[in-house]
Amino acid sequence: MTPYNNAVSVFARKFHTVYSKAGSDGTLNIRISERKLFVNTLYILISVASKYAEGLVYPADYHQDMTEELYMLKRMILDAYVAK
């Protein structure tokens, strides 16, 4: 678990920096606690990455660049957190 925990720690520090900046400049929906937003974001990222890696979202032999689909998921996730 050490490599996983180290990766999560790095992500947590970077996430805290982004959360703090976005909260102070008003671009983030600060009604969501940092902890809740972090846990949900980490869960989504791990889930999406594992689904793509396992070929559950798109078959492994599906020879197409899925970059646009990943950007679409990113926009959907960020839309839920951006202050309106």
PDB file of N, CA and C in Angstrom:
ATOM      1  N   MET A   1       0.812  -1.205   0.000  1.00  0.00           N
ATOM      2  CA  MET A   1       0.000   0.000   0.000  1.00  0.00           C
ATOM      3  C   MET A   1       0.855   1.268   0.000  1.00  0.00           C
ATOM      4  N   THR A   2       2.134   1.137   0.284  1.00  0.00           N
ATOM      5  CA  THR A   2       2.992   2.320   0.375  1.00  0.00           C
ATOM      6  C   THR A   2       3.001   3.142  -0.916  1.00  0.00           C
ATOM      7  N   PRO A   3       3.183   2.530  -2.090  1.00  0.00           N
ATOM      8  CA  PRO A   3       3.153   3.343  -3.321  1.00  0.00           C
ATOM      9  C   PRO A   3       1.811   4.058  -3.514  1.00  0.00           C
ATOM     10  N   TYR A   4       0.735   3.367  -3.228  1.00  0.00           N
ATOM     11  CA  TYR A   4      -0.598   3.977  -3.347  1.00  0.00           C
ATOM     12  C   TYR A   4      -0.739   5.151  -2.375  1.00  0.00           C
ATOM     13  N   ASN A   5      -0.374   4.927  -1.116  1.00  0.00           N
ATOM     14  CA  ASN A   5      -0.488   5.978  -0.109  1.00  0.00           C
ATOM     15  C   ASN A   5       0.394   7.175  -0.448  1.00  0.00           C
ATOM     16  N   ASN A   6       1.582   6.919  -0.974  1.00  0.00           N
ATOM     17  CA  ASN A   6       2.460   8.015  -1.387  1.00  0.00           C
ATOM     18  C   ASN A   6       1.843   8.828  -2.519  1.00  0.00           C
ATOM     19  N   ALA A   7       1.260   8.130  -3.482  1.00  0.00           N
ATOM     20  CA  ALA A   7       0.611   8.818  -4.603  1.00  0.00           C
ATOM     21  C   ALA A   7      -0.576   9.651  -4.117  1.00  0.00           C
ATOM     22  N   VAL A   8      -1.368   9.095  -3.204  1.00  0.00           N
ATOM     23  CA  VAL A   8      -2.513   9.823  -2.665  1.00  0.00           C
ATOM     24  C   VAL A   8      -2.042  11.055  -1.885  1.00  0.00           C
ATOM     25  N   SER A   9      -0.950  10.923  -1.151  1.00  0.00           N
ATOM     26  CA  SER A   9      -0.417  12.060  -0.386  1.00  0.00           C
ATOM     27  C   SER A   9       0.019  13.191  -1.308  1.00  0.00           C
ATOM     28  N   VAL A  10       0.684  12.847  -2.382  1.00  0.00           N
ATOM     29  CA  VAL A  10       1.096  13.867  -3.354  1.00  0.00           C
ATOM     30  C   VAL A  10      -0.140  14.548  -3.943  1.00  0.00           C
ATOM     31  N   PHE A  11      -1.119  13.743  -4.333  1.00  0.00           N
ATOM     32  CA  PHE A  11      -2.351  14.297  -4.892  1.00  0.00           C
ATOM     33  C   PHE A  11      -3.061  15.175  -3.870  1.00  0.00           C
ATOM     34  N   ALA A  12      -3.082  14.755  -2.610  1.00  0.00           N
ATOM     35  CA  ALA A  12      -3.753  15.523  -1.551  1.00  0.00           C
ATOM     36  C   ALA A  12      -3.107  16.895  -1.365  1.00  0.00           C
ATOM     37  N   ARG A  13      -1.781  16.938  -1.390  1.00  0.00           N
ATOM     38  CA  ARG A  13      -1.095  18.239  -1.240  1.00  0.00           C
ATOM     39  C   ARG A  13      -1.408  19.157  -2.412  1.00  0.00           C
ATOM     40  N   LYS A  14      -1.356  18.620  -3.615  1.00  0.00           N
ATOM     41  CA  LYS A  14      -1.662  19.437  -4.795  1.00  0.00           C
ATOM     42  C   LYS A  14      -3.126  19.858  -4.790  1.00  0.00           C
ATOM     43  N   PHE A  15      -3.990  18.952  -4.394  1.00  0.00           N
ATOM     44  CA  PHE A  15      -5.418  19.251  -4.335  1.00  0.00           C
ATOM     45  C   PHE A  15      -5.674  20.382  -3.339  1.00  0.00           C
ATOM     46  N   HIS A  16      -5.009  20.343  -2.185  1.00  0.00           N
ATOM     47  CA  HIS A  16      -5.183  21.387  -1.170  1.00  0.00           C
ATOM     48  C   HIS A  16      -4.796  22.752  -1.733  1.00  0.00           C
ATOM     49  N   THR A  17      -3.695  22.808  -2.467  1.00  0.00           N
ATOM     50  CA  THR A  17      -3.260  24.069  -3.078  1.00  0.00           C
ATOM     51  C   THR A  17      -4.315  24.605  -4.040  1.00  0.00           C
ATOM     52  N   VAL A  18      -4.818  23.735  -4.894  1.00  0.00           N
ATOM     53  CA  VAL A  18      -5.838  24.139  -5.865  1.00  0.00           C
ATOM     54  C   VAL A  18      -7.128  24.543  -5.154  1.00  0.00           C
ATOM     55  N   TYR A  19      -7.541  23.768  -4.173  1.00  0.00           N
ATOM     56  CA  TYR A  19      -8.767  24.055  -3.419  1.00  0.00           C
ATOM     57  C   TYR A  19      -8.660  25.420  -2.742  1.00  0.00           C
ATOM     58  N   SER A  20      -7.530  25.701  -2.128  1.00  0.00           N
ATOM     59  CA  SER A  20      -7.337  26.979  -1.437  1.00  0.00           C
ATOM     60  C   SER A  20      -7.392  28.156  -2.406  1.00  0.00           C
ATOM     61  N   LYS A  21      -6.693  28.034  -3.521  1.00  0.00           N
ATOM     62  CA  LYS A  21      -6.682  29.110  -4.516  1.00  0.00           C
ATOM     63  C   LYS A  21      -8.067  29.309  -5.119  1.00  0.00           C
ATOM     64  N   ALA A  22      -8.721  28.209  -5.476  1.00  0.00           N
ATOM     65  CA  ALA A  22     -10.046  28.307  -6.100  1.00  0.00           C
ATOM     66  C   ALA A  22     -11.082  28.843  -5.119  1.00  0.00           C
ATOM     67  N   GLY A  23     -10.934  28.528  -3.843  1.00  0.00           N
ATOM     68  CA  GLY A  23     -11.847  29.058  -2.840  1.00  0.00           C
ATOM     69  C   GLY A  23     -11.662  30.547  -2.640  1.00  0.00           C
ATOM     70  N   SER A  24     -10.422  30.996  -2.670  1.00  0.00           N
ATOM     71  CA  SER A  24     -10.172  32.421  -2.437  1.00  0.00           C
ATOM     72  C   SER A  24     -10.526  33.284  -3.640  1.00  0.00           C
ATOM     73  N   ASP A  25     -10.408  32.735  -4.853  1.00  0.00           N
ATOM     74  CA  ASP A  25     -10.763  33.562  -6.016  1.00  0.00           C
ATOM     75  C   ASP A  25     -12.197  33.351  -6.486  1.00  0.00           C
ATOM     76  N   GLY A  26     -12.933  32.472  -5.811  1.00  0.00           N
ATOM     77  CA  GLY A  26     -14.353  32.303  -6.094  1.00  0.00           C
ATOM     78  C   GLY A  26     -14.699  31.382  -7.244  1.00  0.00           C
ATOM     79  N   THR A  27     -13.737  30.654  -7.782  1.00  0.00           N
ATOM     80  CA  THR A  27     -14.049  29.766  -8.909  1.00  0.00           C
ATOM     81  C   THR A  27     -14.574  28.410  -8.472  1.00  0.00           C
ATOM     82  N   LEU A  28     -14.484  28.110  -7.182  1.00  0.00           N
ATOM     83  CA  LEU A  28     -14.910  26.810  -6.678  1.00  0.00           C
ATOM     84  C   LEU A  28     -16.134  26.953  -5.797  1.00  0.00           C
ATOM     85  N   ASN A  29     -17.016  25.991  -5.895  1.00  0.00           N
ATOM     86  CA  ASN A  29     -18.190  25.952  -5.039  1.00  0.00           C
ATOM     87  C   ASN A  29     -17.733  25.551  -3.645  1.00  0.00           C
ATOM     88  N   ILE A  30     -17.470  26.534  -2.814  1.00  0.00           N
ATOM     89  CA  ILE A  30     -16.867  26.303  -1.506  1.00  0.00           C
ATOM     90  C   ILE A  30     -17.857  25.708  -0.505  1.00  0.00           C
ATOM     91  N   ARG A  31     -19.105  25.553  -0.900  1.00  0.00           N
ATOM     92  CA  ARG A  31     -20.087  24.903  -0.024  1.00  0.00           C
ATOM     93  C   ARG A  31     -19.758  23.440   0.199  1.00  0.00           C
ATOM     94  N   ILE A  32     -18.902  22.903  -0.654  1.00  0.00           N
ATOM     95  CA  ILE A  32     -18.472  21.520  -0.531  1.00  0.00           C
ATOM     96  C   ILE A  32     -17.161  21.522   0.247  1.00  0.00           C
ATOM     97  N   SER A  33     -17.088  20.764   1.344  1.00  0.00           N
ATOM     98  CA  SER A  33     -15.874  20.745   2.160  1.00  0.00           C
ATOM     99  C   SER A  33     -14.700  20.186   1.361  1.00  0.00           C
ATOM    100  N   GLU A  34     -13.511  20.608   1.741  1.00  0.00           N
ATOM    101  CA  GLU A  34     -12.313  20.136   1.051  1.00  0.00           C
ATOM    102  C   GLU A  34     -12.203  18.615   1.139  1.00  0.00           C
ATOM    103  N   ARG A  35     -12.452  18.077   2.309  1.00  0.00           N
ATOM    104  CA  ARG A  35     -12.342  16.622   2.488  1.00  0.00           C
ATOM    105  C   ARG A  35     -13.319  15.873   1.587  1.00  0.00           C
ATOM    106  N   LYS A  36     -14.573  16.317   1.571  1.00  0.00           N
ATOM    107  CA  LYS A  36     -15.581  15.641   0.746  1.00  0.00           C
ATOM    108  C   LYS A  36     -15.230  15.768  -0.737  1.00  0.00           C
ATOM    109  N   LEU A  37     -14.826  16.944  -1.146  1.00  0.00           N
ATOM    110  CA  LEU A  37     -14.472  17.166  -2.546  1.00  0.00           C
ATOM    111  C   LEU A  37     -13.254  16.331  -2.935  1.00  0.00           C
ATOM    112  N   PHE A  38     -12.275  16.253  -2.034  1.00  0.00           N
ATOM    113  CA  PHE A  38     -11.073  15.457  -2.299  1.00  0.00           C
ATOM    114  C   PHE A  38     -11.421  13.981  -2.452  1.00  0.00           C
ATOM    115  N   VAL A  39     -12.169  13.447  -1.500  1.00  0.00           N
ATOM    116  CA  VAL A  39     -12.512  12.022  -1.535  1.00  0.00           C
ATOM    117  C   VAL A  39     -13.311  11.697  -2.789  1.00  0.00           C
ATOM    118  N   ASN A  40     -14.286  12.526  -3.118  1.00  0.00           N
ATOM    119  CA  ASN A  40     -15.100  12.275  -4.306  1.00  0.00           C
ATOM    120  C   ASN A  40     -14.279  12.380  -5.588  1.00  0.00           C
ATOM    121  N   THR A  41     -13.413  13.380  -5.673  1.00  0.00           N
ATOM    122  CA  THR A  41     -12.581  13.550  -6.859  1.00  0.00           C
ATOM    123  C   THR A  41     -11.617  12.380  -7.017  1.00  0.00           C
ATOM    124  N   LEU A  42     -10.981  11.972  -5.923  1.00  0.00           N
ATOM    125  CA  LEU A  42     -10.059  10.841  -5.977  1.00  0.00           C
ATOM    126  C   LEU A  42     -10.791   9.568  -6.403  1.00  0.00           C
ATOM    127  N   TYR A  43     -11.969   9.343  -5.847  1.00  0.00           N
ATOM    128  CA  TYR A  43     -12.758   8.161  -6.203  1.00  0.00           C
ATOM    129  C   TYR A  43     -13.112   8.171  -7.697  1.00  0.00           C
ATOM    130  N   ILE A  44     -13.539   9.305  -8.188  1.00  0.00           N
ATOM    131  CA  ILE A  44     -13.909   9.406  -9.605  1.00  0.00           C
ATOM    132  C   ILE A  44     -12.698   9.137 -10.489  1.00  0.00           C
ATOM    133  N   LEU A  45     -11.565   9.760 -10.165  1.00  0.00           N
ATOM    134  CA  LEU A  45     -10.364   9.568 -10.983  1.00  0.00           C
ATOM    135  C   LEU A  45      -9.917   8.114 -10.997  1.00  0.00           C
ATOM    136  N   ILE A  46      -9.912   7.480  -9.837  1.00  0.00           N
ATOM    137  CA  ILE A  46      -9.504   6.075  -9.770  1.00  0.00           C
ATOM    138  C   ILE A  46     -10.500   5.192 -10.513  1.00  0.00           C
ATOM    139  N   SER A  47     -11.776   5.467 -10.356  1.00  0.00           N
ATOM    140  CA  SER A  47     -12.797   4.668 -11.035  1.00  0.00           C
ATOM    141  C   SER A  47     -12.688   4.775 -12.547  1.00  0.00           C
ATOM    142  N   VAL A  48     -12.559   5.996 -13.037  1.00  0.00           N
ATOM    143  CA  VAL A  48     -12.464   6.197 -14.482  1.00  0.00           C
ATOM    144  C   VAL A  48     -11.201   5.536 -15.021  1.00  0.00           C
ATOM    145  N   ALA A  49     -10.075   5.744 -14.340  1.00  0.00           N
ATOM    146  CA  ALA A  49      -8.812   5.149 -14.808  1.00  0.00           C
ATOM    147  C   ALA A  49      -8.892   3.626 -14.827  1.00  0.00           C
ATOM    148  N   SER A  50      -9.473   3.041 -13.794  1.00  0.00           N
ATOM    149  CA  SER A  50      -9.538   1.576 -13.759  1.00  0.00           C
ATOM    150  C   SER A  50     -10.492   1.027 -14.811  1.00  0.00           C
ATOM    151  N   LYS A  51     -11.577   1.710 -15.057  1.00  0.00           N
ATOM    152  CA  LYS A  51     -12.519   1.245 -16.089  1.00  0.00           C
ATOM    153  C   LYS A  51     -11.869   1.265 -17.465  1.00  0.00           C
ATOM    154  N   TYR A  52     -11.117   2.336 -17.752  1.00  0.00           N
ATOM    155  CA  TYR A  52     -10.417   2.394 -19.035  1.00  0.00           C
ATOM    156  C   TYR A  52      -9.328   1.331 -19.105  1.00  0.00           C
ATOM    157  N   ALA A  53      -8.568   1.153 -18.009  1.00  0.00           N
ATOM    158  CA  ALA A  53      -7.479   0.174 -17.996  1.00  0.00           C
ATOM    159  C   ALA A  53      -7.992  -1.252 -18.159  1.00  0.00           C
ATOM    160  N   GLU A  54      -9.140  -1.535 -17.575  1.00  0.00           N
ATOM    161  CA  GLU A  54      -9.706  -2.878 -17.646  1.00  0.00           C
ATOM    162  C   GLU A  54     -10.471  -3.115 -18.946  1.00  0.00           C
ATOM    163  N   GLY A  55     -10.681  -2.068 -19.714  1.00  0.00           N
ATOM    164  CA  GLY A  55     -11.434  -2.209 -20.948  1.00  0.00           C
ATOM    165  C   GLY A  55     -12.925  -2.332 -20.716  1.00  0.00           C
ATOM    166  N   LEU A  56     -13.394  -1.930 -19.533  1.00  0.00           N
ATOM    167  CA  LEU A  56     -14.820  -2.045 -19.242  1.00  0.00           C
ATOM    168  C   LEU A  56     -15.645  -0.939 -19.881  1.00  0.00           C
ATOM    169  N   VAL A  57     -15.020   0.205 -20.097  1.00  0.00           N
ATOM    170  CA  VAL A  57     -15.733   1.301 -20.738  1.00  0.00           C
ATOM    171  C   VAL A  57     -15.649   1.147 -22.245  1.00  0.00           C
ATOM    172  N   TYR A  58     -14.458   0.907 -22.725  1.00  0.00           N
ATOM    173  CA  TYR A  58     -14.234   0.666 -24.146  1.00  0.00           C
ATOM    174  C   TYR A  58     -13.339  -0.553 -24.252  1.00  0.00           C
ATOM    175  N   PRO A  59     -13.655  -1.491 -25.138  1.00  0.00           N
ATOM    176  CA  PRO A  59     -12.832  -2.699 -25.274  1.00  0.00           C
ATOM    177  C   PRO A  59     -11.389  -2.349 -25.600  1.00  0.00           C
ATOM    178  N   ALA A  60     -10.469  -3.175 -25.121  1.00  0.00           N
ATOM    179  CA  ALA A  60      -9.037  -2.932 -25.338  1.00  0.00           C
ATOM    180  C   ALA A  60      -8.672  -2.906 -26.818  1.00  0.00           C
ATOM    181  N   ASP A  61      -9.424  -3.626 -27.642  1.00  0.00           N
ATOM    182  CA  ASP A  61      -9.105  -3.649 -29.071  1.00  0.00           C
ATOM    183  C   ASP A  61      -9.797  -2.517 -29.834  1.00  0.00           C
ATOM    184  N   TYR A  62     -10.430  -1.622 -29.126  1.00  0.00           N
ATOM    185  CA  TYR A  62     -11.100  -0.467 -29.730  1.00  0.00           C
ATOM    186  C   TYR A  62     -10.024   0.568 -30.038  1.00  0.00           C
ATOM    187  N   HIS A  63      -9.480   0.521 -31.218  1.00  0.00           N
ATOM    188  CA  HIS A  63      -8.334   1.355 -31.589  1.00  0.00           C
ATOM    189  C   HIS A  63      -8.776   2.760 -31.979  1.00  0.00           C
ATOM    190  N   GLN A  64      -9.088   3.522 -30.974  1.00  0.00           N
ATOM    191  CA  GLN A  64      -9.476   4.904 -31.207  1.00  0.00           C
ATOM    192  C   GLN A  64      -8.931   5.737 -30.063  1.00  0.00           C
ATOM    193  N   ASP A  65      -8.543   6.938 -30.378  1.00  0.00           N
ATOM    194  CA  ASP A  65      -8.060   7.853 -29.357  1.00  0.00           C
ATOM    195  C   ASP A  65      -9.258   8.315 -28.524  1.00  0.00           C
ATOM    196  N   MET A  66      -9.231   8.025 -27.230  1.00  0.00           N
ATOM    197  CA  MET A  66     -10.356   8.339 -26.357  1.00  0.00           C
ATOM    198  C   MET A  66     -10.162   9.672 -25.623  1.00  0.00           C
ATOM    199  N   THR A  67      -9.255  10.494 -26.105  1.00  0.00           N
ATOM    200  CA  THR A  67      -8.956  11.768 -25.453  1.00  0.00           C
ATOM    201  C   THR A  67     -10.196  12.638 -25.326  1.00  0.00           C
ATOM    202  N   GLU A  68     -10.995  12.742 -26.360  1.00  0.00           N
ATOM    203  CA  GLU A  68     -12.191  13.589 -26.316  1.00  0.00           C
ATOM    204  C   GLU A  68     -13.167  13.115 -25.251  1.00  0.00           C
ATOM    205  N   GLU A  69     -13.321  11.808 -25.119  1.00  0.00           N
ATOM    206  CA  GLU A  69     -14.218  11.268 -24.103  1.00  0.00           C
ATOM    207  C   GLU A  69     -13.706  11.585 -22.697  1.00  0.00           C
ATOM    208  N   LEU A  70     -12.392  11.506 -22.514  1.00  0.00           N
ATOM    209  CA  LEU A  70     -11.816  11.842 -21.206  1.00  0.00           C
ATOM    210  C   LEU A  70     -12.000  13.323 -20.894  1.00  0.00           C
ATOM    211  N   TYR A  71     -11.838  14.193 -21.891  1.00  0.00           N
ATOM    212  CA  TYR A  71     -12.082  15.627 -21.685  1.00  0.00           C
ATOM    213  C   TYR A  71     -13.549  15.890 -21.341  1.00  0.00           C
ATOM    214  N   MET A  72     -14.438  15.148 -21.968  1.00  0.00           N
ATOM    215  CA  MET A  72     -15.857  15.308 -21.670  1.00  0.00           C
ATOM    216  C   MET A  72     -16.137  14.924 -20.215  1.00  0.00           C
ATOM    217  N   LEU A  73     -15.575  13.821 -19.758  1.00  0.00           N
ATOM    218  CA  LEU A  73     -15.732  13.423 -18.356  1.00  0.00           C
ATOM    219  C   LEU A  73     -15.160  14.491 -17.426  1.00  0.00           C
ATOM    220  N   LYS A  74     -14.014  15.029 -17.773  1.00  0.00           N
ATOM    221  CA  LYS A  74     -13.397  16.080 -16.969  1.00  0.00           C
ATOM    222  C   LYS A  74     -14.327  17.289 -16.870  1.00  0.00           C
ATOM    223  N   ARG A  75     -14.904  17.704 -17.994  1.00  0.00           N
ATOM    224  CA  ARG A  75     -15.823  18.860 -17.981  1.00  0.00           C
ATOM    225  C   ARG A  75     -17.047  18.567 -17.123  1.00  0.00           C
ATOM    226  N   MET A  76     -17.567  17.352 -17.195  1.00  0.00           N
ATOM    227  CA  MET A  76     -18.748  16.981 -16.395  1.00  0.00           C
ATOM    228  C   MET A  76     -18.413  17.031 -14.914  1.00  0.00           C
ATOM    229  N   ILE A  77     -17.254  16.517 -14.545  1.00  0.00           N
ATOM    230  CA  ILE A  77     -16.838  16.511 -13.132  1.00  0.00           C
ATOM    231  C   ILE A  77     -16.644  17.945 -12.641  1.00  0.00           C
ATOM    232  N   LEU A  78     -15.895  18.725 -13.404  1.00  0.00           N
ATOM    233  CA  LEU A  78     -15.616  20.102 -12.965  1.00  0.00           C
ATOM    234  C   LEU A  78     -16.885  20.955 -12.892  1.00  0.00           C
ATOM    235  N   ASP A  79     -17.820  20.707 -13.770  1.00  0.00           N
ATOM    236  CA  ASP A  79     -19.055  21.479 -13.789  1.00  0.00           C
ATOM    237  C   ASP A  79     -19.808  21.362 -12.466  1.00  0.00           C
ATOM    238  N   ALA A  80     -19.696  20.218 -11.820  1.00  0.00           N
ATOM    239  CA  ALA A  80     -20.395  20.016 -10.545  1.00  0.00           C
ATOM    240  C   ALA A  80     -19.783  20.841  -9.425  1.00  0.00           C
ATOM    241  N   TYR A  81     -18.529  21.241  -9.572  1.00  0.00           N
ATOM    242  CA  TYR A  81     -17.819  21.926  -8.495  1.00  0.00           C
ATOM    243  C   TYR A  81     -17.602  23.402  -8.710  1.00  0.00           C
ATOM    244  N   VAL A  82     -17.820  23.880  -9.924  1.00  0.00           N
ATOM    245  CA  VAL A  82     -17.551  25.286 -10.227  1.00  0.00           C
ATOM    246  C   VAL A  82     -18.671  26.162  -9.660  1.00  0.00           C
ATOM    247  N   ALA A  83     -18.259  27.262  -9.057  1.00  0.00           N
ATOM    248  CA  ALA A  83     -19.233  28.206  -8.493  1.00  0.00           C
ATOM    249  C   ALA A  83     -20.065  28.811  -9.616  1.00  0.00           C
ATOM    250  N   LYS A  84     -21.337  28.964  -9.353  1.00  0.00           N
ATOM    251  CA  LYS A  84     -22.228  29.523 -10.386  1.00  0.00           C
ATOM    252  C   LYS A  84     -22.925  30.749  -9.865  1.00  0.00           C
TER     253      LYS A  84
END
